[in-house]
N, C-alpha and C. Protein backbone atom coordinates (compact mmCIF):
# COMPACT_ATOMS: atom_id res chain seq x y z
N MET A 1 47.79 -46.79 -159.74
CA MET A 1 48.21 -45.80 -160.68
C MET A 1 47.04 -45.45 -161.58
N LEU A 2 46.75 -44.16 -161.69
CA LEU A 2 45.66 -43.69 -162.52
C LEU A 2 46.04 -43.81 -163.98
N LYS A 3 45.22 -44.47 -164.76
CA LYS A 3 45.48 -44.63 -166.19
C LYS A 3 44.61 -43.62 -166.92
N ASP A 4 45.22 -42.48 -167.25
CA ASP A 4 44.44 -41.39 -167.83
C ASP A 4 44.77 -41.08 -169.28
N LYS A 5 45.61 -41.86 -169.90
CA LYS A 5 45.97 -41.64 -171.29
C LYS A 5 45.77 -42.91 -172.10
N SER A 6 45.46 -42.74 -173.36
CA SER A 6 45.36 -43.90 -174.25
C SER A 6 46.17 -43.59 -175.49
N ILE A 7 46.56 -44.64 -176.18
CA ILE A 7 47.27 -44.48 -177.44
C ILE A 7 46.55 -45.29 -178.50
N SER A 8 46.74 -44.88 -179.73
CA SER A 8 46.15 -45.59 -180.85
C SER A 8 47.28 -46.00 -181.78
N VAL A 9 47.25 -47.24 -182.21
CA VAL A 9 48.31 -47.76 -183.07
C VAL A 9 47.67 -48.33 -184.32
N ARG A 10 48.18 -47.94 -185.46
CA ARG A 10 47.72 -48.51 -186.72
C ARG A 10 48.70 -49.59 -187.14
N MET A 11 48.16 -50.75 -187.50
CA MET A 11 49.01 -51.83 -187.98
C MET A 11 48.22 -52.72 -188.90
N ASP A 12 48.94 -53.51 -189.65
CA ASP A 12 48.34 -54.48 -190.55
C ASP A 12 47.47 -55.43 -189.74
N SER A 13 46.26 -55.69 -190.21
CA SER A 13 45.34 -56.54 -189.45
C SER A 13 45.89 -57.97 -189.30
N GLY A 14 46.58 -58.46 -190.32
CA GLY A 14 47.16 -59.80 -190.23
C GLY A 14 48.24 -59.87 -189.16
N LEU A 15 49.07 -58.83 -189.09
CA LEU A 15 50.11 -58.76 -188.06
C LEU A 15 49.49 -58.74 -186.67
N LYS A 16 48.44 -57.93 -186.52
CA LYS A 16 47.75 -57.84 -185.22
C LYS A 16 47.21 -59.21 -184.81
N GLU A 17 46.56 -59.90 -185.72
CA GLU A 17 46.00 -61.21 -185.40
C GLU A 17 47.10 -62.21 -185.03
N GLN A 18 48.20 -62.20 -185.78
CA GLN A 18 49.30 -63.11 -185.48
C GLN A 18 49.91 -62.80 -184.11
N ALA A 19 50.07 -61.50 -183.82
CA ALA A 19 50.63 -61.11 -182.53
C ALA A 19 49.70 -61.52 -181.39
N GLU A 20 48.40 -61.36 -181.57
CA GLU A 20 47.44 -61.75 -180.54
C GLU A 20 47.51 -63.25 -180.26
N ILE A 21 47.74 -64.05 -181.28
CA ILE A 21 47.86 -65.50 -181.10
C ILE A 21 49.07 -65.82 -180.22
N VAL A 22 50.20 -65.16 -180.51
CA VAL A 22 51.41 -65.38 -179.70
C VAL A 22 51.21 -64.88 -178.28
N LEU A 23 50.67 -63.67 -178.14
CA LEU A 23 50.45 -63.10 -176.80
C LEU A 23 49.51 -63.96 -175.98
N ASP A 24 48.51 -64.52 -176.63
CA ASP A 24 47.57 -65.39 -175.92
C ASP A 24 48.28 -66.60 -175.33
N GLN A 25 49.32 -67.09 -176.02
CA GLN A 25 50.08 -68.24 -175.51
C GLN A 25 50.85 -67.86 -174.25
N PHE A 26 51.17 -66.57 -174.10
CA PHE A 26 51.81 -66.08 -172.88
C PHE A 26 50.78 -65.67 -171.83
N GLY A 27 49.50 -65.69 -172.21
CA GLY A 27 48.45 -65.25 -171.31
C GLY A 27 48.38 -63.73 -171.20
N LEU A 28 48.79 -63.04 -172.25
CA LEU A 28 48.85 -61.59 -172.24
C LEU A 28 47.96 -61.01 -173.33
N ASN A 29 47.60 -59.73 -173.16
CA ASN A 29 46.88 -59.02 -174.21
C ASN A 29 47.72 -57.82 -174.65
N MET A 30 47.28 -57.16 -175.71
CA MET A 30 48.04 -56.04 -176.28
C MET A 30 48.28 -54.93 -175.26
N THR A 31 47.28 -54.55 -174.51
CA THR A 31 47.41 -53.47 -173.54
C THR A 31 48.46 -53.80 -172.48
N THR A 32 48.42 -55.02 -171.97
CA THR A 32 49.38 -55.43 -170.95
C THR A 32 50.80 -55.38 -171.50
N VAL A 33 50.99 -55.88 -172.72
CA VAL A 33 52.33 -55.92 -173.32
C VAL A 33 52.84 -54.51 -173.59
N ILE A 34 51.98 -53.63 -174.05
CA ILE A 34 52.40 -52.24 -174.30
C ILE A 34 52.80 -51.58 -172.99
N ASN A 35 52.03 -51.79 -171.93
CA ASN A 35 52.39 -51.24 -170.62
C ASN A 35 53.71 -51.82 -170.12
N MET A 36 53.91 -53.14 -170.31
CA MET A 36 55.17 -53.78 -169.91
C MET A 36 56.34 -53.15 -170.67
N LEU A 37 56.16 -52.99 -171.96
CA LEU A 37 57.21 -52.42 -172.80
C LEU A 37 57.57 -51.01 -172.35
N PHE A 38 56.58 -50.16 -172.15
CA PHE A 38 56.86 -48.78 -171.75
C PHE A 38 57.52 -48.71 -170.38
N ARG A 39 57.06 -49.54 -169.43
CA ARG A 39 57.71 -49.54 -168.11
C ARG A 39 59.17 -49.96 -168.21
N GLN A 40 59.43 -50.96 -169.02
CA GLN A 40 60.80 -51.43 -169.16
C GLN A 40 61.67 -50.42 -169.91
N ILE A 41 61.12 -49.73 -170.89
CA ILE A 41 61.85 -48.68 -171.59
C ILE A 41 62.28 -47.60 -170.61
N VAL A 42 61.37 -47.18 -169.74
CA VAL A 42 61.68 -46.15 -168.75
C VAL A 42 62.72 -46.66 -167.76
N ARG A 43 62.54 -47.86 -167.25
CA ARG A 43 63.45 -48.41 -166.25
C ARG A 43 64.85 -48.65 -166.82
N GLU A 44 64.95 -49.22 -168.02
CA GLU A 44 66.24 -49.61 -168.59
C GLU A 44 66.86 -48.51 -169.44
N GLN A 45 66.06 -47.49 -169.78
CA GLN A 45 66.52 -46.44 -170.69
C GLN A 45 67.01 -47.06 -172.01
N ALA A 46 66.29 -48.08 -172.46
CA ALA A 46 66.59 -48.79 -173.70
C ALA A 46 65.32 -49.47 -174.18
N ILE A 47 65.36 -49.98 -175.38
CA ILE A 47 64.21 -50.73 -175.89
C ILE A 47 64.53 -52.22 -175.72
N PRO A 48 63.98 -52.82 -174.65
CA PRO A 48 64.29 -54.21 -174.30
C PRO A 48 63.19 -55.17 -174.74
N LEU A 49 62.84 -56.05 -173.85
CA LEU A 49 61.73 -56.98 -173.97
C LEU A 49 61.95 -58.03 -175.04
N SER A 50 62.53 -59.12 -174.65
CA SER A 50 62.77 -60.22 -175.56
C SER A 50 62.06 -61.46 -175.03
N LEU A 51 60.94 -61.79 -175.63
CA LEU A 51 60.20 -63.00 -175.29
C LEU A 51 60.20 -63.89 -176.53
N SER A 52 60.27 -65.19 -176.33
CA SER A 52 60.32 -66.08 -177.49
C SER A 52 59.61 -67.40 -177.20
N LEU A 53 58.91 -67.89 -178.20
CA LEU A 53 58.30 -69.23 -178.14
C LEU A 53 59.09 -70.21 -178.98
N LYS A 54 60.15 -69.72 -179.64
CA LYS A 54 60.95 -70.57 -180.51
C LYS A 54 61.77 -71.55 -179.69
N PRO A 55 61.76 -72.84 -180.05
CA PRO A 55 62.59 -73.80 -179.33
C PRO A 55 64.06 -73.53 -179.57
N GLY A 56 64.87 -73.85 -178.58
CA GLY A 56 66.31 -73.68 -178.73
C GLY A 56 66.80 -72.30 -178.37
N GLU A 57 65.92 -71.41 -178.00
CA GLU A 57 66.32 -70.06 -177.67
C GLU A 57 66.00 -69.76 -176.21
N ASN A 58 66.37 -70.66 -175.34
CA ASN A 58 66.12 -70.40 -173.92
C ASN A 58 67.31 -70.88 -173.10
N ILE A 59 67.34 -70.50 -171.87
CA ILE A 59 68.48 -70.77 -170.99
C ILE A 59 68.69 -72.26 -170.75
N ILE A 60 67.62 -73.04 -170.70
CA ILE A 60 67.75 -74.48 -170.47
C ILE A 60 68.53 -75.11 -171.61
N ASP A 61 68.18 -74.76 -172.86
CA ASP A 61 68.90 -75.31 -174.00
C ASP A 61 70.37 -74.89 -173.98
N GLU A 62 70.63 -73.63 -173.60
CA GLU A 62 72.01 -73.16 -173.54
C GLU A 62 72.79 -73.91 -172.46
N LEU A 63 72.16 -74.17 -171.33
CA LEU A 63 72.83 -74.92 -170.26
C LEU A 63 73.10 -76.36 -170.69
N MET A 64 72.14 -76.97 -171.37
CA MET A 64 72.34 -78.35 -171.83
C MET A 64 73.47 -78.42 -172.86
N LEU A 65 73.56 -77.39 -173.73
CA LEU A 65 74.65 -77.35 -174.70
C LEU A 65 75.99 -77.20 -173.99
N ALA A 66 76.04 -76.35 -172.98
CA ALA A 66 77.28 -76.17 -172.22
C ALA A 66 77.68 -77.48 -171.53
N LYS A 67 76.70 -78.17 -170.96
CA LYS A 67 76.98 -79.46 -170.31
C LYS A 67 77.52 -80.46 -171.32
N SER A 68 76.91 -80.51 -172.49
CA SER A 68 77.36 -81.42 -173.54
C SER A 68 78.78 -81.08 -173.99
N ASN A 69 79.06 -79.79 -174.13
CA ASN A 69 80.41 -79.36 -174.51
C ASN A 69 81.43 -79.78 -173.46
N ARG A 70 81.07 -79.63 -172.19
CA ARG A 70 81.98 -80.05 -171.11
C ARG A 70 82.26 -81.55 -171.17
N GLN A 71 81.20 -82.32 -171.39
CA GLN A 71 81.36 -83.77 -171.47
C GLN A 71 82.19 -84.18 -172.68
N ALA A 72 82.20 -83.32 -173.71
CA ALA A 72 82.99 -83.61 -174.92
C ALA A 72 84.43 -83.15 -174.77
N GLY A 73 84.76 -82.57 -173.60
CA GLY A 73 86.15 -82.22 -173.35
C GLY A 73 86.46 -80.73 -173.34
N HIS A 74 85.47 -79.89 -173.66
CA HIS A 74 85.72 -78.45 -173.64
C HIS A 74 85.84 -78.00 -172.19
N ALA A 75 86.99 -77.45 -171.84
CA ALA A 75 87.25 -77.10 -170.44
C ALA A 75 86.54 -75.83 -170.01
N GLY A 76 86.34 -74.88 -170.90
CA GLY A 76 85.70 -73.63 -170.51
C GLY A 76 86.59 -72.82 -169.60
N ARG A 77 86.00 -71.96 -168.80
CA ARG A 77 86.75 -71.12 -167.87
C ARG A 77 86.14 -71.23 -166.49
N LEU A 78 86.96 -71.04 -165.49
CA LEU A 78 86.47 -71.02 -164.12
C LEU A 78 85.66 -69.74 -163.90
N ALA A 79 84.62 -69.85 -163.10
CA ALA A 79 83.78 -68.69 -162.79
C ALA A 79 84.62 -67.58 -162.17
N SER A 80 85.57 -67.93 -161.34
CA SER A 80 86.41 -66.91 -160.70
C SER A 80 87.23 -66.14 -161.74
N SER A 81 87.66 -66.82 -162.79
CA SER A 81 88.40 -66.16 -163.86
C SER A 81 87.51 -65.17 -164.61
N VAL A 82 86.30 -65.58 -164.89
CA VAL A 82 85.34 -64.70 -165.57
C VAL A 82 85.03 -63.50 -164.68
N ALA A 83 84.81 -63.73 -163.39
CA ALA A 83 84.51 -62.64 -162.46
C ALA A 83 85.68 -61.67 -162.37
N ASN A 84 86.91 -62.18 -162.34
CA ASN A 84 88.08 -61.30 -162.31
C ASN A 84 88.17 -60.45 -163.57
N ASP A 85 87.91 -61.05 -164.72
CA ASP A 85 87.92 -60.30 -165.97
C ASP A 85 86.84 -59.22 -165.97
N MET A 86 85.67 -59.57 -165.46
CA MET A 86 84.59 -58.59 -165.41
C MET A 86 84.97 -57.42 -164.50
N GLU A 87 85.56 -57.70 -163.37
CA GLU A 87 85.98 -56.65 -162.44
C GLU A 87 87.02 -55.74 -163.10
N ARG A 88 87.98 -56.35 -163.82
CA ARG A 88 89.01 -55.58 -164.51
C ARG A 88 88.38 -54.68 -165.57
N ILE A 89 87.44 -55.19 -166.33
CA ILE A 89 86.77 -54.42 -167.38
C ILE A 89 85.99 -53.25 -166.77
N ILE A 90 85.33 -53.49 -165.65
CA ILE A 90 84.58 -52.43 -164.98
C ILE A 90 85.52 -51.33 -164.51
N ILE A 91 86.63 -51.71 -163.91
CA ILE A 91 87.61 -50.72 -163.43
C ILE A 91 88.15 -49.90 -164.60
N GLU A 92 88.48 -50.58 -165.72
CA GLU A 92 88.98 -49.87 -166.90
C GLU A 92 87.92 -48.92 -167.44
N ALA A 93 86.67 -49.34 -167.47
CA ALA A 93 85.58 -48.48 -167.95
C ALA A 93 85.40 -47.26 -167.05
N GLU A 94 85.53 -47.47 -165.75
CA GLU A 94 85.41 -46.34 -164.81
C GLU A 94 86.52 -45.33 -165.03
N HIS A 95 87.73 -45.81 -165.31
CA HIS A 95 88.85 -44.91 -165.57
C HIS A 95 88.62 -44.12 -166.85
N VAL A 96 88.11 -44.78 -167.89
CA VAL A 96 87.83 -44.10 -169.15
C VAL A 96 86.73 -43.05 -168.94
N ALA A 97 85.69 -43.43 -168.21
CA ALA A 97 84.57 -42.51 -167.95
C ALA A 97 85.03 -41.31 -167.13
N ALA A 98 85.96 -41.51 -166.21
CA ALA A 98 86.45 -40.42 -165.38
C ALA A 98 87.23 -39.39 -166.20
N LYS A 99 87.86 -39.84 -167.29
CA LYS A 99 88.64 -38.95 -168.14
C LYS A 99 87.77 -38.12 -169.06
N VAL A 100 86.54 -38.56 -169.28
CA VAL A 100 85.63 -37.85 -170.21
C VAL A 100 85.00 -36.67 -169.57
């Protein structure tokens, strides 16, 4: 892909330095992250991109918490029940969208 455009961004120098430190931990630079962001904006038609270095905010921790809750007696729901509810919600949304 031909890269024929550039952008210029003004920001606080301290913010830039702090962001570069975090990006470096991911092995990324500003240009790469901006390109990732723009590609994802176009693909998702939304402003996405959630990366985190904070402990406790990842899927492993969430799974371990769920396992602990199960061991403590929380029954939760069967996957088939969740899937059935999701299917019902999708069907209802399609009916609403068809009326619009």
